[in-house]
Amino acid sequence: MRREELKFSFDQIMTDENDKNRMLNNILKQTEKRSAYAFYYFKKAIPALVLELLWQEAY
């Protein structure tokens, strides 16, 4: 979901403003965490790819 869609969805919920902000912030932080992990896995994949290519050339 896009950020605007999330905000619209949370506007429909009948809770106080603090609860809405807390839930929205938790969802957005989770998205940021996922993108940080993707970069970490990408850093691990590059050396593995280089090793595989070197291994293929050796044989």
PDB file of N, CA and C in Angstrom:
ATOM      1  N   MET A   1       0.846  -1.189   0.000  1.00  0.00           N
ATOM      2  CA  MET A   1       0.000   0.000   0.000  1.00  0.00           C
ATOM      3  C   MET A   1       0.884   1.242   0.000  1.00  0.00           C
ATOM      4  N   ARG A   2       0.389   2.253  -0.630  1.00  0.00           N
ATOM      5  CA  ARG A   2       1.105   3.516  -0.637  1.00  0.00           C
ATOM      6  C   ARG A   2       0.855   4.268   0.663  1.00  0.00           C
ATOM      7  N   ARG A   3       1.709   5.232   0.906  1.00  0.00           N
ATOM      8  CA  ARG A   3       1.604   6.022   2.126  1.00  0.00           C
ATOM      9  C   ARG A   3       0.249   6.730   2.209  1.00  0.00           C
ATOM     10  N   GLU A   4      -0.217   7.264   1.080  1.00  0.00           N
ATOM     11  CA  GLU A   4      -1.500   7.971   1.075  1.00  0.00           C
ATOM     12  C   GLU A   4      -2.653   7.016   1.373  1.00  0.00           C
ATOM     13  N   GLU A   5      -2.579   5.813   0.819  1.00  0.00           N
ATOM     14  CA  GLU A   5      -3.628   4.821   1.074  1.00  0.00           C
ATOM     15  C   GLU A   5      -3.652   4.420   2.541  1.00  0.00           C
ATOM     16  N   LEU A   6      -2.471   4.286   3.131  1.00  0.00           N
ATOM     17  CA  LEU A   6      -2.414   3.955   4.557  1.00  0.00           C
ATOM     18  C   LEU A   6      -3.047   5.056   5.398  1.00  0.00           C
ATOM     19  N   LYS A   7      -2.707   6.300   5.082  1.00  0.00           N
ATOM     20  CA  LYS A   7      -3.268   7.409   5.850  1.00  0.00           C
ATOM     21  C   LYS A   7      -4.786   7.456   5.710  1.00  0.00           C
ATOM     22  N   PHE A   8      -5.292   7.222   4.507  1.00  0.00           N
ATOM     23  CA  PHE A   8      -6.741   7.215   4.305  1.00  0.00           C
ATOM     24  C   PHE A   8      -7.391   6.093   5.105  1.00  0.00           C
ATOM     25  N   SER A   9      -6.762   4.925   5.115  1.00  0.00           N
ATOM     26  CA  SER A   9      -7.303   3.789   5.868  1.00  0.00           C
ATOM     27  C   SER A   9      -7.361   4.096   7.353  1.00  0.00           C
ATOM     28  N   PHE A  10      -6.323   4.728   7.851  1.00  0.00           N
ATOM     29  CA  PHE A  10      -6.298   5.031   9.275  1.00  0.00           C
ATOM     30  C   PHE A  10      -7.247   6.169   9.637  1.00  0.00           C
ATOM     31  N   ASP A  11      -7.595   7.005   8.678  1.00  0.00           N
ATOM     32  CA  ASP A  11      -8.585   8.044   8.952  1.00  0.00           C
ATOM     33  C   ASP A  11      -9.966   7.442   9.196  1.00  0.00           C
ATOM     34  N   GLN A  12     -10.223   6.265   8.657  1.00  0.00           N
ATOM     35  CA  GLN A  12     -11.519   5.608   8.807  1.00  0.00           C
ATOM     36  C   GLN A  12     -11.673   4.909  10.161  1.00  0.00           C
ATOM     37  N   ILE A  13     -10.586   4.679  10.877  1.00  0.00           N
ATOM     38  CA  ILE A  13     -10.629   3.975  12.159  1.00  0.00           C
ATOM     39  C   ILE A  13     -11.102   4.929  13.253  1.00  0.00           C
ATOM     40  N   MET A  14     -11.997   4.439  14.108  1.00  0.00           N
ATOM     41  CA  MET A  14     -12.531   5.263  15.194  1.00  0.00           C
ATOM     42  C   MET A  14     -11.727   5.052  16.474  1.00  0.00           C
ATOM     43  N   THR A  15     -10.565   5.630  16.534  1.00  0.00           N
ATOM     44  CA  THR A  15      -9.741   5.606  17.742  1.00  0.00           C
ATOM     45  C   THR A  15      -9.218   7.010  17.982  1.00  0.00           C
ATOM     46  N   ASP A  16      -8.513   7.172  19.091  1.00  0.00           N
ATOM     47  CA  ASP A  16      -7.957   8.496  19.321  1.00  0.00           C
ATOM     48  C   ASP A  16      -6.720   8.708  18.437  1.00  0.00           C
ATOM     49  N   GLU A  17      -6.298   9.928  18.347  1.00  0.00           N
ATOM     50  CA  GLU A  17      -5.227  10.309  17.418  1.00  0.00           C
ATOM     51  C   GLU A  17      -3.890   9.666  17.784  1.00  0.00           C
ATOM     52  N   ASN A  18      -3.613   9.476  19.061  1.00  0.00           N
ATOM     53  CA  ASN A  18      -2.350   8.856  19.475  1.00  0.00           C
ATOM     54  C   ASN A  18      -2.243   7.415  18.976  1.00  0.00           C
ATOM     55  N   ASP A  19      -3.333   6.674  19.069  1.00  0.00           N
ATOM     56  CA  ASP A  19      -3.325   5.287  18.593  1.00  0.00           C
ATOM     57  C   ASP A  19      -3.124   5.215  17.085  1.00  0.00           C
ATOM     58  N   LYS A  20      -3.778   6.099  16.350  1.00  0.00           N
ATOM     59  CA  LYS A  20      -3.614   6.118  14.898  1.00  0.00           C
ATOM     60  C   LYS A  20      -2.159   6.391  14.513  1.00  0.00           C
ATOM     61  N   ASN A  21      -1.577   7.396  15.145  1.00  0.00           N
ATOM     62  CA  ASN A  21      -0.190   7.743  14.827  1.00  0.00           C
ATOM     63  C   ASN A  21       0.766   6.616  15.190  1.00  0.00           C
ATOM     64  N   ARG A  22       0.524   5.963  16.303  1.00  0.00           N
ATOM     65  CA  ARG A  22       1.385   4.864  16.727  1.00  0.00           C
ATOM     66  C   ARG A  22       1.327   3.709  15.732  1.00  0.00           C
ATOM     67  N   MET A  23       0.121   3.338  15.308  1.00  0.00           N
ATOM     68  CA  MET A  23      -0.025   2.238  14.348  1.00  0.00           C
ATOM     69  C   MET A  23       0.600   2.589  13.001  1.00  0.00           C
ATOM     70  N   LEU A  24       0.370   3.801  12.531  1.00  0.00           N
ATOM     71  CA  LEU A  24       0.929   4.221  11.248  1.00  0.00           C
ATOM     72  C   LEU A  24       2.451   4.242  11.305  1.00  0.00           C
ATOM     73  N   ASN A  25       3.009   4.759  12.383  1.00  0.00           N
ATOM     74  CA  ASN A  25       4.468   4.795  12.525  1.00  0.00           C
ATOM     75  C   ASN A  25       5.063   3.396  12.588  1.00  0.00           C
ATOM     76  N   ASN A  26       4.393   2.467  13.243  1.00  0.00           N
ATOM     77  CA  ASN A  26       4.890   1.088  13.290  1.00  0.00           C
ATOM     78  C   ASN A  26       4.948   0.472  11.899  1.00  0.00           C
ATOM     79  N   ILE A  27       3.939   0.709  11.092  1.00  0.00           N
ATOM     80  CA  ILE A  27       3.928   0.159   9.733  1.00  0.00           C
ATOM     81  C   ILE A  27       5.033   0.788   8.894  1.00  0.00           C
ATOM     82  N   LEU A  28       5.198   2.090   8.986  1.00  0.00           N
ATOM     83  CA  LEU A  28       6.221   2.761   8.185  1.00  0.00           C
ATOM     84  C   LEU A  28       7.624   2.367   8.628  1.00  0.00           C
ATOM     85  N   LYS A  29       7.839   2.170   9.923  1.00  0.00           N
ATOM     86  CA  LYS A  29       9.151   1.736  10.405  1.00  0.00           C
ATOM     87  C   LYS A  29       9.466   0.330   9.927  1.00  0.00           C
ATOM     88  N   GLN A  30       8.459  -0.528   9.879  1.00  0.00           N
ATOM     89  CA  GLN A  30       8.663  -1.892   9.403  1.00  0.00           C
ATOM     90  C   GLN A  30       9.121  -1.880   7.949  1.00  0.00           C
ATOM     91  N   THR A  31       8.568  -0.980   7.151  1.00  0.00           N
ATOM     92  CA  THR A  31       8.969  -0.852   5.749  1.00  0.00           C
ATOM     93  C   THR A  31      10.423  -0.412   5.659  1.00  0.00           C
ATOM     94  N   GLU A  32      10.832   0.530   6.518  1.00  0.00           N
ATOM     95  CA  GLU A  32      12.218   0.994   6.510  1.00  0.00           C
ATOM     96  C   GLU A  32      13.168  -0.128   6.919  1.00  0.00           C
ATOM     97  N   LYS A  33      12.766  -0.943   7.885  1.00  0.00           N
ATOM     98  CA  LYS A  33      13.614  -2.048   8.323  1.00  0.00           C
ATOM     99  C   LYS A  33      13.815  -3.050   7.198  1.00  0.00           C
ATOM    100  N   ARG A  34      12.760  -3.325   6.446  1.00  0.00           N
ATOM    101  CA  ARG A  34      12.870  -4.282   5.347  1.00  0.00           C
ATOM    102  C   ARG A  34      13.843  -3.789   4.289  1.00  0.00           C
ATOM    103  N   SER A  35      13.818  -2.500   3.988  1.00  0.00           N
ATOM    104  CA  SER A  35      14.727  -1.983   2.966  1.00  0.00           C
ATOM    105  C   SER A  35      16.169  -2.028   3.462  1.00  0.00           C
ATOM    106  N   ALA A  36      16.398  -1.864   4.754  1.00  0.00           N
ATOM    107  CA  ALA A  36      17.751  -1.953   5.296  1.00  0.00           C
ATOM    108  C   ALA A  36      18.265  -3.383   5.202  1.00  0.00           C
ATOM    109  N   TYR A  37      17.411  -4.361   5.468  1.00  0.00           N
ATOM    110  CA  TYR A  37      17.825  -5.757   5.357  1.00  0.00           C
ATOM    111  C   TYR A  37      18.113  -6.141   3.913  1.00  0.00           C
ATOM    112  N   ALA A  38      17.370  -5.579   2.978  1.00  0.00           N
ATOM    113  CA  ALA A  38      17.598  -5.886   1.565  1.00  0.00           C
ATOM    114  C   ALA A  38      18.999  -5.451   1.156  1.00  0.00           C
ATOM    115  N   PHE A  39      19.443  -4.303   1.625  1.00  0.00           N
ATOM    116  CA  PHE A  39      20.794  -3.834   1.319  1.00  0.00           C
ATOM    117  C   PHE A  39      21.829  -4.761   1.938  1.00  0.00           C
ATOM    118  N   TYR A  40      21.577  -5.228   3.156  1.00  0.00           N
ATOM    119  CA  TYR A  40      22.504  -6.134   3.830  1.00  0.00           C
ATOM    120  C   TYR A  40      22.646  -7.439   3.052  1.00  0.00           C
ATOM    121  N   TYR A  41      21.542  -7.990   2.602  1.00  0.00           N
ATOM    122  CA  TYR A  41      21.593  -9.237   1.840  1.00  0.00           C
ATOM    123  C   TYR A  41      22.272  -9.036   0.494  1.00  0.00           C
ATOM    124  N   PHE A  42      22.095  -7.866  -0.102  1.00  0.00           N
ATOM    125  CA  PHE A  42      22.745  -7.564  -1.366  1.00  0.00           C
ATOM    126  C   PHE A  42      24.260  -7.525  -1.182  1.00  0.00           C
ATOM    127  N   LYS A  43      24.723  -6.978  -0.054  1.00  0.00           N
ATOM    128  CA  LYS A  43      26.161  -6.930   0.221  1.00  0.00           C
ATOM    129  C   LYS A  43      26.735  -8.329   0.376  1.00  0.00           C
ATOM    130  N   LYS A  44      25.951  -9.266   0.878  1.00  0.00           N
ATOM    131  CA  LYS A  44      26.423 -10.640   1.026  1.00  0.00           C
ATOM    132  C   LYS A  44      26.366 -11.387  -0.299  1.00  0.00           C
ATOM    133  N   ALA A  45      25.469 -11.017  -1.179  1.00  0.00           N
ATOM    134  CA  ALA A  45      25.289 -11.737  -2.433  1.00  0.00           C
ATOM    135  C   ALA A  45      26.407 -11.447  -3.427  1.00  0.00           C
ATOM    136  N   ILE A  46      26.952 -10.247  -3.425  1.00  0.00           N
ATOM    137  CA  ILE A  46      27.998  -9.882  -4.385  1.00  0.00           C
ATOM    138  C   ILE A  46      29.247 -10.738  -4.203  1.00  0.00           C
ATOM    139  N   PRO A  47      29.809 -10.871  -2.981  1.00  0.00           N
ATOM    140  CA  PRO A  47      30.986 -11.743  -2.838  1.00  0.00           C
ATOM    141  C   PRO A  47      30.690 -13.197  -3.195  1.00  0.00           C
ATOM    142  N   ALA A  48      29.497 -13.668  -2.895  1.00  0.00           N
ATOM    143  CA  ALA A  48      29.141 -15.043  -3.248  1.00  0.00           C
ATOM    144  C   ALA A  48      29.106 -15.209  -4.764  1.00  0.00           C
ATOM    145  N   LEU A  49      28.612 -14.223  -5.467  1.00  0.00           N
ATOM    146  CA  LEU A  49      28.578 -14.270  -6.927  1.00  0.00           C
ATOM    147  C   LEU A  49      29.991 -14.263  -7.501  1.00  0.00           C
ATOM    148  N   VAL A  50      30.862 -13.436  -6.952  1.00  0.00           N
ATOM    149  CA  VAL A  50      32.252 -13.379  -7.421  1.00  0.00           C
ATOM    150  C   VAL A  50      32.941 -14.715  -7.186  1.00  0.00           C
ATOM    151  N   LEU A  51      32.750 -15.298  -6.025  1.00  0.00           N
ATOM    152  CA  LEU A  51      33.360 -16.597  -5.750  1.00  0.00           C
ATOM    153  C   LEU A  51      32.852 -17.665  -6.710  1.00  0.00           C
ATOM    154  N   GLU A  52      31.581 -17.652  -7.008  1.00  0.00           N
ATOM    155  CA  GLU A  52      31.016 -18.625  -7.936  1.00  0.00           C
ATOM    156  C   GLU A  52      31.594 -18.450  -9.336  1.00  0.00           C
ATOM    157  N   LEU A  53      31.726 -17.206  -9.771  1.00  0.00           N
ATOM    158  CA  LEU A  53      32.302 -16.957 -11.095  1.00  0.00           C
ATOM    159  C   LEU A  53      33.758 -17.393 -11.158  1.00  0.00           C
ATOM    160  N   LEU A  54      34.512 -17.133 -10.099  1.00  0.00           N
ATOM    161  CA  LEU A  54      35.911 -17.567 -10.066  1.00  0.00           C
ATOM    162  C   LEU A  54      36.005 -19.087 -10.045  1.00  0.00           C
ATOM    163  N   TRP A  55      35.100 -19.722  -9.326  1.00  0.00           N
ATOM    164  CA  TRP A  55      35.083 -21.181  -9.246  1.00  0.00           C
ATOM    165  C   TRP A  55      34.794 -21.789 -10.618  1.00  0.00           C
ATOM    166  N   GLN A  56      33.862 -21.170 -11.352  1.00  0.00           N
ATOM    167  CA  GLN A  56      33.506 -21.666 -12.681  1.00  0.00           C
ATOM    168  C   GLN A  56      34.671 -21.521 -13.662  1.00  0.00           C
ATOM    169  N   GLU A  57      35.427 -20.436 -13.548  1.00  0.00           N
ATOM    170  CA  GLU A  57      36.563 -20.218 -14.444  1.00  0.00           C
ATOM    171  C   GLU A  57      37.711 -21.164 -14.130  1.00  0.00           C
ATOM    172  N   ALA A  58      37.823 -21.578 -12.884  1.00  0.00           N
ATOM    173  CA  ALA A  58      38.931 -22.452 -12.492  1.00  0.00           C
ATOM    174  C   ALA A  58      38.754 -23.849 -13.067  1.00  0.00           C
ATOM    175  N   TYR A  59      37.541 -24.257 -13.318  1.00  0.00           N
ATOM    176  CA  TYR A  59      37.300 -25.620 -13.827  1.00  0.00           C
ATOM    177  C   TYR A  59      36.756 -25.623 -15.201  1.00  0.00           C
TER     178      TYR A  59
END
